[in-house]
Amino acid sequence: MSDVPDEGERVPDEDTANWAAAAHTARLAGYVLDQVVDPVPGSMLAADDAEYRWEKCSAWTRSSLVAALDHLTLWANIVTPQKIFEGMIVRNPPRPYFTLARAGLESAAQAVWVLKEDDSTERVHRHLRLLYHDLRQMALAFEKQGDNRAPSVRDRMSALQTRLGDRYPFESIVKGEPKYSSMVHECAAVIDMQPDVLEVLWRGASAAAHGKNWFQYVAYSTEVGSEYEPGYFRTTLRADPKAITQSITAAANMVLRGVLLFVARSGRQPQPLYAAAFAKLVDETPLKDAPKD
């Protein structure tokens, strides 16, 4: 089978509207997050930061949300630019759309996975697991290239054990590297999705990012043509915009829920922040399909 993607078909209006809604959702989440940096004294996240003050839970969860917004804002700027001109056409292959959705979903899920927990001890423990293995990956990268910063990263990893004392079992952190599949699965309920459904979307988007052959069975319909060798057929792959819609919508909703969780755990009321963010979105974007709350 010889596959030729066909990227020339127009995206149906329903999917175009849903893509615009996801883009607006991502921008809205970014505008809300811009208004919140540090937690209010006495808030849940302030208590989490006091529990482990060296690499703060609030700073690291916010960083994950910023990363998610970086990916989704790029997608929004491609699909629903805030400045348009007459006759403007956006034509791209679908694989990068899935890659951006996957990156946004994974980044946001890290923050949601921590912030969704009501118990401070569990939030901090999850933060420490992410923190330790983030440092471990950085140390490995530095060591591979002979970077002289590698020892200081290893020192930070060792210091974590000393600083914790007996409050958290260090072994549970060292052996508890969070897996993206697990975090995505556990966070599905936050955006009102079935865990298996969201995990399937994530796996399909990951296949796109990793250049897997089976991605074509997720994102394309296949039109079989002539048989050019016995048992081998020319085929045309037609992108399925609904698959993009499902993935990007899940990612946008995850980052918005993560931002709202961050706001709440930081001790702030989300309503005025959301209203200010929405006013900015309306002011800066030629809205056709605004997000509805």
Foldseek 3Di string as FASTA:
>chain_A
DAEAEDQPDDDDPVLLLLLLQLLQLLLLLVLLLVVDQFFDPPFLQNVLCVLPVPCGLLNQLSVLLVQLSVLSNVVCCQSANQDDDPPDDRTDDCLSLLLSLLRLQLSLLLLCLLLVDPDSLSSNLSSLLQVLVVLVVVLVVCVVVVNPCNVVSVVVNVVVPVVCPPVDPVVCSVPVNDDSLVSQLVCQVLLPHHSVVSSVLSVLSVCSVVVHPCNLVQFWDKDWADAPDVVRTYIYTYGDSVSSSVSSNSSSSSSSSSSVSSCVSSPHDSVVSSVVSVVVSVVRHPDDNYHDD
